[in-house]
Amino acid sequence: MKIYTDHITLQTQKVREVVNITSQVKAAMEKSGFREGIILVSGLHSNSAVVINDDEPGLLEDLDAWLSQLAPLRDDYKHKGRFESNAAIHLQALLLHHQAIVPFSEARLDLGPWQFVLFVELDGTRPKRILVRVMGE
């Protein structure tokens, strides 16, 4: 098995924003030259997530409401952080997870018709890096 590594850097415009990065993940797979394997997509920040799901506006609104309900912004969390108190954001990131694995076959991403690779910015407007590690042959 061979490994190819790439990075995506994003600058979101909103505090909470979902960015479809499927085309960048596909581009990394194509650059690797591999035809079969898996791709690890990992957000390199504890206040973001990477998910595989539908990129439909209503679902994304529901996601926002769900995260806010399960881990609401409050002042009574124990985590105070180094620079800011954002415990709710860290808990929301834990609910979604920081990485996803995308298989590929015959140099095509193995995603369903309504599946996309989505970067979820939870505490944004700062540049964020995403690791894209392609493993295959």
N, C-alpha and C. Protein backbone atom coordinates (compact mmCIF):
# COMPACT_ATOMS: atom_id res chain seq x y z
N MET A 1 0.83 -1.17 0.00
CA MET A 1 0.00 0.00 0.00
C MET A 1 0.89 1.24 0.00
N LYS A 2 0.46 2.24 -0.77
CA LYS A 2 1.17 3.51 -0.84
C LYS A 2 0.32 4.58 -0.18
N ILE A 3 0.97 5.69 0.19
CA ILE A 3 0.28 6.78 0.87
C ILE A 3 0.59 8.09 0.17
N TYR A 4 -0.45 8.89 -0.02
CA TYR A 4 -0.32 10.24 -0.55
C TYR A 4 -1.02 11.18 0.43
N THR A 5 -0.37 12.28 0.79
CA THR A 5 -0.93 13.22 1.76
C THR A 5 -1.11 14.59 1.13
N ASP A 6 -2.27 15.18 1.41
CA ASP A 6 -2.58 16.52 0.94
C ASP A 6 -3.27 17.26 2.10
N HIS A 7 -3.40 18.57 1.97
CA HIS A 7 -4.10 19.37 2.97
C HIS A 7 -5.05 20.34 2.26
N ILE A 8 -6.14 20.61 2.93
CA ILE A 8 -7.09 21.63 2.48
C ILE A 8 -7.08 22.71 3.55
N THR A 9 -7.03 23.96 3.15
CA THR A 9 -7.16 25.06 4.09
C THR A 9 -8.41 25.84 3.72
N LEU A 10 -9.27 26.05 4.71
CA LEU A 10 -10.53 26.77 4.50
C LEU A 10 -10.58 28.00 5.37
N GLN A 11 -11.22 29.03 4.86
CA GLN A 11 -11.52 30.23 5.64
C GLN A 11 -13.03 30.42 5.54
N THR A 12 -13.74 30.07 6.61
CA THR A 12 -15.19 30.21 6.59
C THR A 12 -15.59 31.66 6.84
N GLN A 13 -16.81 31.98 6.45
CA GLN A 13 -17.32 33.34 6.60
C GLN A 13 -18.22 33.50 7.82
N LYS A 14 -18.68 32.36 8.37
CA LYS A 14 -19.60 32.40 9.50
C LYS A 14 -19.03 31.61 10.67
N VAL A 15 -19.56 31.85 11.86
CA VAL A 15 -19.12 31.12 13.04
C VAL A 15 -19.44 29.64 12.87
N ARG A 16 -20.63 29.32 12.40
CA ARG A 16 -20.99 27.93 12.10
C ARG A 16 -21.30 27.84 10.61
N GLU A 17 -20.58 26.95 9.95
CA GLU A 17 -20.74 26.84 8.50
C GLU A 17 -20.38 25.42 8.07
N VAL A 18 -21.11 24.91 7.11
CA VAL A 18 -20.82 23.59 6.54
C VAL A 18 -20.31 23.81 5.13
N VAL A 19 -19.15 23.22 4.83
CA VAL A 19 -18.52 23.39 3.52
C VAL A 19 -18.39 22.02 2.87
N ASN A 20 -18.91 21.90 1.67
CA ASN A 20 -18.80 20.66 0.92
C ASN A 20 -17.39 20.58 0.34
N ILE A 21 -16.61 19.61 0.80
CA ILE A 21 -15.21 19.47 0.35
C ILE A 21 -15.02 18.23 -0.52
N THR A 22 -16.11 17.68 -1.01
CA THR A 22 -16.03 16.46 -1.82
C THR A 22 -15.10 16.64 -3.01
N SER A 23 -15.18 17.77 -3.69
CA SER A 23 -14.35 17.97 -4.89
C SER A 23 -12.87 18.04 -4.52
N GLN A 24 -12.52 18.62 -3.37
CA GLN A 24 -11.12 18.67 -2.95
C GLN A 24 -10.60 17.28 -2.56
N VAL A 25 -11.47 16.48 -1.93
CA VAL A 25 -11.09 15.11 -1.57
C VAL A 25 -10.89 14.29 -2.85
N LYS A 26 -11.77 14.46 -3.80
CA LYS A 26 -11.65 13.76 -5.09
C LYS A 26 -10.36 14.18 -5.80
N ALA A 27 -10.04 15.47 -5.74
CA ALA A 27 -8.82 15.97 -6.38
C ALA A 27 -7.58 15.34 -5.76
N ALA A 28 -7.56 15.17 -4.44
CA ALA A 28 -6.42 14.53 -3.77
C ALA A 28 -6.30 13.08 -4.21
N MET A 29 -7.45 12.39 -4.33
CA MET A 29 -7.43 11.00 -4.81
C MET A 29 -6.85 10.94 -6.21
N GLU A 30 -7.26 11.85 -7.07
CA GLU A 30 -6.76 11.87 -8.45
C GLU A 30 -5.27 12.18 -8.49
N LYS A 31 -4.80 13.12 -7.67
CA LYS A 31 -3.36 13.44 -7.61
C LYS A 31 -2.54 12.24 -7.17
N SER A 32 -3.12 11.40 -6.31
CA SER A 32 -2.38 10.24 -5.80
C SER A 32 -2.07 9.24 -6.91
N GLY A 33 -2.93 9.18 -7.92
CA GLY A 33 -2.77 8.21 -8.99
C GLY A 33 -3.25 6.81 -8.61
N PHE A 34 -3.77 6.65 -7.42
CA PHE A 34 -4.24 5.34 -6.97
C PHE A 34 -5.62 5.05 -7.56
N ARG A 35 -5.91 3.77 -7.76
CA ARG A 35 -7.21 3.37 -8.31
C ARG A 35 -8.12 2.72 -7.26
N GLU A 36 -7.52 2.15 -6.22
CA GLU A 36 -8.29 1.47 -5.17
C GLU A 36 -7.71 1.86 -3.82
N GLY A 37 -8.59 2.07 -2.83
CA GLY A 37 -8.09 2.35 -1.49
C GLY A 37 -9.10 3.07 -0.63
N ILE A 38 -8.54 3.79 0.34
CA ILE A 38 -9.37 4.59 1.25
C ILE A 38 -8.72 5.95 1.44
N ILE A 39 -9.56 6.90 1.83
CA ILE A 39 -9.09 8.26 2.09
C ILE A 39 -9.52 8.64 3.50
N LEU A 40 -8.56 9.01 4.31
CA LEU A 40 -8.85 9.55 5.63
C LEU A 40 -8.92 11.06 5.50
N VAL A 41 -10.05 11.63 5.92
CA VAL A 41 -10.24 13.08 5.91
C VAL A 41 -10.39 13.50 7.37
N SER A 42 -9.44 14.30 7.85
CA SER A 42 -9.39 14.61 9.28
C SER A 42 -9.24 16.11 9.51
N GLY A 43 -10.20 16.68 10.24
CA GLY A 43 -10.10 18.07 10.62
C GLY A 43 -9.03 18.22 11.70
N LEU A 44 -8.16 19.18 11.55
CA LEU A 44 -7.03 19.35 12.47
C LEU A 44 -7.32 20.40 13.54
N HIS A 45 -8.59 20.52 13.91
CA HIS A 45 -8.99 21.49 14.93
C HIS A 45 -10.07 20.87 15.80
N SER A 46 -10.01 21.12 17.10
CA SER A 46 -10.97 20.51 18.01
C SER A 46 -12.32 21.22 18.02
N ASN A 47 -12.47 22.24 17.22
CA ASN A 47 -13.75 22.93 17.13
C ASN A 47 -14.35 22.83 15.72
N SER A 48 -14.11 21.67 15.10
CA SER A 48 -14.66 21.41 13.77
C SER A 48 -14.90 19.91 13.65
N ALA A 49 -15.52 19.52 12.55
CA ALA A 49 -15.82 18.11 12.32
C ALA A 49 -15.80 17.82 10.82
N VAL A 50 -15.69 16.53 10.51
CA VAL A 50 -15.80 16.06 9.13
C VAL A 50 -16.85 14.96 9.13
N VAL A 51 -17.85 15.09 8.28
CA VAL A 51 -18.93 14.11 8.23
C VAL A 51 -19.23 13.74 6.78
N ILE A 52 -19.87 12.59 6.62
CA ILE A 52 -20.39 12.17 5.32
C ILE A 52 -21.91 12.25 5.44
N ASN A 53 -22.53 13.08 4.64
CA ASN A 53 -23.98 13.20 4.71
C ASN A 53 -24.49 13.99 3.51
N ASP A 54 -25.79 14.23 3.51
CA ASP A 54 -26.44 15.00 2.46
C ASP A 54 -26.11 16.48 2.64
N ASP A 55 -25.93 17.18 1.55
CA ASP A 55 -25.66 18.62 1.57
C ASP A 55 -26.95 19.36 1.19
N GLU A 56 -27.97 19.15 2.00
CA GLU A 56 -29.29 19.72 1.74
C GLU A 56 -29.56 20.79 2.79
N PRO A 57 -29.96 22.00 2.37
CA PRO A 57 -30.10 23.12 3.31
C PRO A 57 -30.98 22.83 4.53
N GLY A 58 -32.10 22.14 4.36
CA GLY A 58 -32.97 21.83 5.50
C GLY A 58 -32.28 20.93 6.50
N LEU A 59 -31.56 19.93 6.01
CA LEU A 59 -30.82 19.03 6.91
C LEU A 59 -29.75 19.81 7.67
N LEU A 60 -29.08 20.72 6.99
CA LEU A 60 -28.03 21.50 7.64
C LEU A 60 -28.61 22.41 8.72
N GLU A 61 -29.80 22.95 8.50
CA GLU A 61 -30.49 23.73 9.53
C GLU A 61 -30.85 22.84 10.72
N ASP A 62 -31.33 21.62 10.41
CA ASP A 62 -31.65 20.67 11.48
C ASP A 62 -30.41 20.30 12.27
N LEU A 63 -29.29 20.13 11.58
CA LEU A 63 -28.03 19.81 12.25
C LEU A 63 -27.66 20.92 13.24
N ASP A 64 -27.77 22.15 12.80
CA ASP A 64 -27.47 23.29 13.66
C ASP A 64 -28.35 23.28 14.90
N ALA A 65 -29.65 23.07 14.73
CA ALA A 65 -30.58 23.04 15.85
C ALA A 65 -30.29 21.87 16.78
N TRP A 66 -29.97 20.71 16.22
CA TRP A 66 -29.68 19.51 17.01
C TRP A 66 -28.44 19.72 17.87
N LEU A 67 -27.39 20.26 17.28
CA LEU A 67 -26.16 20.52 18.04
C LEU A 67 -26.41 21.51 19.16
N SER A 68 -27.16 22.57 18.86
CA SER A 68 -27.45 23.58 19.87
C SER A 68 -28.31 23.03 21.00
N GLN A 69 -29.15 22.06 20.68
CA GLN A 69 -30.00 21.46 21.71
C GLN A 69 -29.20 20.50 22.60
N LEU A 70 -28.34 19.68 21.98
CA LEU A 70 -27.60 18.69 22.75
C LEU A 70 -26.43 19.27 23.53
N ALA A 71 -25.80 20.29 22.99
CA ALA A 71 -24.66 20.93 23.67
C ALA A 71 -24.81 22.44 23.53
N PRO A 72 -25.74 23.02 24.27
CA PRO A 72 -26.01 24.46 24.13
C PRO A 72 -24.88 25.32 24.70
N LEU A 73 -24.77 26.53 24.18
CA LEU A 73 -23.82 27.50 24.73
C LEU A 73 -24.30 27.88 26.13
N ARG A 74 -23.41 27.72 27.11
CA ARG A 74 -23.72 28.03 28.51
C ARG A 74 -22.46 28.55 29.19
N ASP A 75 -22.64 29.18 30.33
CA ASP A 75 -21.50 29.70 31.08
C ASP A 75 -21.04 28.78 32.19
N ASP A 76 -21.75 27.68 32.45
CA ASP A 76 -21.42 26.86 33.61
C ASP A 76 -20.59 25.61 33.28
N TYR A 77 -20.04 25.51 32.08
CA TYR A 77 -19.14 24.39 31.77
C TYR A 77 -17.83 24.57 32.53
N LYS A 78 -17.20 23.47 32.85
CA LYS A 78 -15.92 23.50 33.58
C LYS A 78 -14.76 23.94 32.67
N HIS A 79 -14.83 23.56 31.39
CA HIS A 79 -13.75 23.89 30.44
C HIS A 79 -13.75 25.40 30.19
N LYS A 80 -12.63 26.01 30.43
CA LYS A 80 -12.51 27.45 30.18
C LYS A 80 -11.58 27.74 29.01
N GLY A 81 -10.84 26.75 28.57
CA GLY A 81 -9.97 26.94 27.42
C GLY A 81 -8.79 27.84 27.72
N ARG A 82 -7.90 27.92 26.76
CA ARG A 82 -6.72 28.77 26.95
C ARG A 82 -7.03 30.23 26.65
N PHE A 83 -7.89 30.46 25.68
CA PHE A 83 -8.15 31.83 25.25
C PHE A 83 -9.62 32.20 25.32
N GLU A 84 -10.48 31.19 25.36
CA GLU A 84 -11.91 31.47 25.36
C GLU A 84 -12.66 30.28 25.97
N SER A 85 -13.85 30.53 26.42
CA SER A 85 -14.66 29.46 26.98
C SER A 85 -15.59 28.95 25.87
N ASN A 86 -15.21 27.83 25.27
CA ASN A 86 -16.00 27.29 24.17
C ASN A 86 -16.27 25.80 24.37
N ALA A 87 -16.58 25.41 25.59
CA ALA A 87 -16.83 24.00 25.90
C ALA A 87 -17.95 23.43 25.05
N ALA A 88 -19.02 24.21 24.84
CA ALA A 88 -20.14 23.71 24.03
C ALA A 88 -19.67 23.33 22.63
N ILE A 89 -18.78 24.11 22.07
CA ILE A 89 -18.28 23.83 20.71
C ILE A 89 -17.49 22.54 20.70
N HIS A 90 -16.65 22.32 21.70
CA HIS A 90 -15.88 21.08 21.77
C HIS A 90 -16.81 19.87 21.92
N LEU A 91 -17.86 20.01 22.72
CA LEU A 91 -18.81 18.92 22.89
C LEU A 91 -19.56 18.65 21.58
N GLN A 92 -19.91 19.70 20.86
CA GLN A 92 -20.58 19.53 19.57
C GLN A 92 -19.66 18.80 18.58
N ALA A 93 -18.39 19.13 18.61
CA ALA A 93 -17.43 18.45 17.74
C ALA A 93 -17.35 16.96 18.08
N LEU A 94 -17.42 16.64 19.36
CA LEU A 94 -17.40 15.23 19.77
C LEU A 94 -18.63 14.48 19.24
N LEU A 95 -19.76 15.15 19.17
CA LEU A 95 -20.97 14.52 18.65
C LEU A 95 -20.82 14.15 17.18
N LEU A 96 -20.09 14.96 16.43
CA LEU A 96 -19.95 14.74 14.98
C LEU A 96 -18.71 13.94 14.61
N HIS A 97 -17.66 14.08 15.32
CA HIS A 97 -16.36 13.42 15.12
C HIS A 97 -15.48 14.26 14.18
N HIS A 98 -14.21 14.11 14.33
CA HIS A 98 -13.26 14.95 13.60
C HIS A 98 -12.77 14.35 12.29
N GLN A 99 -13.17 13.11 11.98
CA GLN A 99 -12.66 12.52 10.74
C GLN A 99 -13.66 11.56 10.14
N ALA A 100 -13.44 11.30 8.84
CA ALA A 100 -14.26 10.35 8.11
C ALA A 100 -13.36 9.58 7.16
N ILE A 101 -13.79 8.38 6.81
CA ILE A 101 -13.06 7.56 5.85
C ILE A 101 -13.93 7.38 4.61
N VAL A 102 -13.32 7.62 3.46
CA VAL A 102 -14.03 7.49 2.19
C VAL A 102 -13.32 6.42 1.36
N PRO A 103 -14.00 5.33 1.04
CA PRO A 103 -13.40 4.33 0.17
C PRO A 103 -13.48 4.78 -1.29
N PHE A 104 -12.59 4.24 -2.12
CA PHE A 104 -12.69 4.50 -3.56
C PHE A 104 -12.30 3.25 -4.34
N SER A 105 -12.93 3.10 -5.48
CA SER A 105 -12.71 1.95 -6.37
C SER A 105 -12.65 2.45 -7.81
N GLU A 106 -11.74 1.88 -8.56
CA GLU A 106 -11.58 2.26 -9.97
C GLU A 106 -11.47 3.78 -10.13
N ALA A 107 -10.74 4.40 -9.20
CA ALA A 107 -10.47 5.85 -9.18
C ALA A 107 -11.75 6.67 -9.08
N ARG A 108 -12.77 6.12 -8.38
CA ARG A 108 -14.01 6.85 -8.14
C ARG A 108 -14.37 6.72 -6.66
N LEU A 109 -14.79 7.85 -6.07
CA LEU A 109 -15.20 7.82 -4.67
C LEU A 109 -16.41 6.91 -4.51
N ASP A 110 -16.39 6.06 -3.51
CA ASP A 110 -17.52 5.16 -3.25
C ASP A 110 -18.49 5.86 -2.29
N LEU A 111 -19.22 6.82 -2.82
CA LEU A 111 -20.23 7.55 -2.06
C LEU A 111 -21.59 7.31 -2.70
N GLY A 112 -22.62 7.28 -1.87
CA GLY A 112 -23.98 7.14 -2.38
C GLY A 112 -24.41 8.42 -3.10
N PRO A 113 -25.56 8.38 -3.76
CA PRO A 113 -25.99 9.53 -4.57
C PRO A 113 -26.23 10.81 -3.78
N TRP A 114 -26.51 10.71 -2.50
CA TRP A 114 -26.74 11.90 -1.68
C TRP A 114 -25.71 12.04 -0.58
N GLN A 115 -24.56 11.40 -0.77
CA GLN A 115 -23.49 11.51 0.22
C GLN A 115 -22.40 12.44 -0.28
N PHE A 116 -21.96 13.31 0.61
CA PHE A 116 -20.89 14.25 0.32
C PHE A 116 -19.96 14.30 1.53
N VAL A 117 -18.74 14.72 1.31
CA VAL A 117 -17.79 14.93 2.41
C VAL A 117 -17.96 16.39 2.83
N LEU A 118 -18.36 16.58 4.08
CA LEU A 118 -18.66 17.91 4.59
C LEU A 118 -17.74 18.28 5.75
N PHE A 119 -17.16 19.45 5.67
CA PHE A 119 -16.41 20.01 6.78
C PHE A 119 -17.38 20.89 7.56
N VAL A 120 -17.48 20.65 8.85
CA VAL A 120 -18.40 21.41 9.70
C VAL A 120 -17.58 22.33 10.60
N GLU A 121 -17.64 23.60 10.31
CA GLU A 121 -16.99 24.61 11.13
C GLU A 121 -17.94 24.96 12.26
N LEU A 122 -17.48 24.84 13.49
CA LEU A 122 -18.35 25.06 14.65
C LEU A 122 -18.02 26.35 15.40
N ASP A 123 -16.87 26.93 15.14
CA ASP A 123 -16.43 28.10 15.90
C ASP A 123 -15.53 28.95 15.02
N GLY A 124 -16.08 29.40 13.92
CA GLY A 124 -15.28 29.81 12.79
C GLY A 124 -14.79 31.21 12.62
N THR A 125 -14.53 31.45 11.39
CA THR A 125 -13.94 32.65 10.78
C THR A 125 -12.43 32.72 10.96
N ARG A 126 -11.82 31.60 11.30
CA ARG A 126 -10.36 31.49 11.33
C ARG A 126 -9.95 30.42 10.33
N PRO A 127 -8.78 30.52 9.73
CA PRO A 127 -8.36 29.47 8.78
C PRO A 127 -8.30 28.11 9.47
N LYS A 128 -8.78 27.10 8.78
CA LYS A 128 -8.78 25.74 9.31
C LYS A 128 -8.11 24.81 8.30
N ARG A 129 -7.35 23.84 8.83
CA ARG A 129 -6.66 22.87 7.98
C ARG A 129 -7.33 21.51 8.11
N ILE A 130 -7.35 20.81 6.99
CA ILE A 130 -7.92 19.47 6.93
C ILE A 130 -6.89 18.57 6.28
N LEU A 131 -6.60 17.48 6.93
CA LEU A 131 -5.68 16.47 6.40
C LEU A 131 -6.46 15.54 5.47
N VAL A 132 -5.90 15.28 4.29
CA VAL A 132 -6.47 14.30 3.36
C VAL A 132 -5.37 13.30 3.07
N ARG A 133 -5.51 12.09 3.63
CA ARG A 133 -4.50 11.06 3.47
C ARG A 133 -5.10 9.92 2.63
N VAL A 134 -4.54 9.75 1.43
CA VAL A 134 -5.01 8.73 0.50
C VAL A 134 -4.11 7.51 0.63
N MET A 135 -4.72 6.35 0.86
CA MET A 135 -3.97 5.10 1.01
C MET A 135 -4.52 4.11 0.01
N GLY A 136 -3.63 3.59 -0.83
CA GLY A 136 -4.11 2.65 -1.83
C GLY A 136 -3.05 2.26 -2.82
N GLU A 137 -3.53 1.75 -3.92
CA GLU A 137 -2.63 1.32 -5.00
C GLU A 137 -3.26 1.59 -6.33
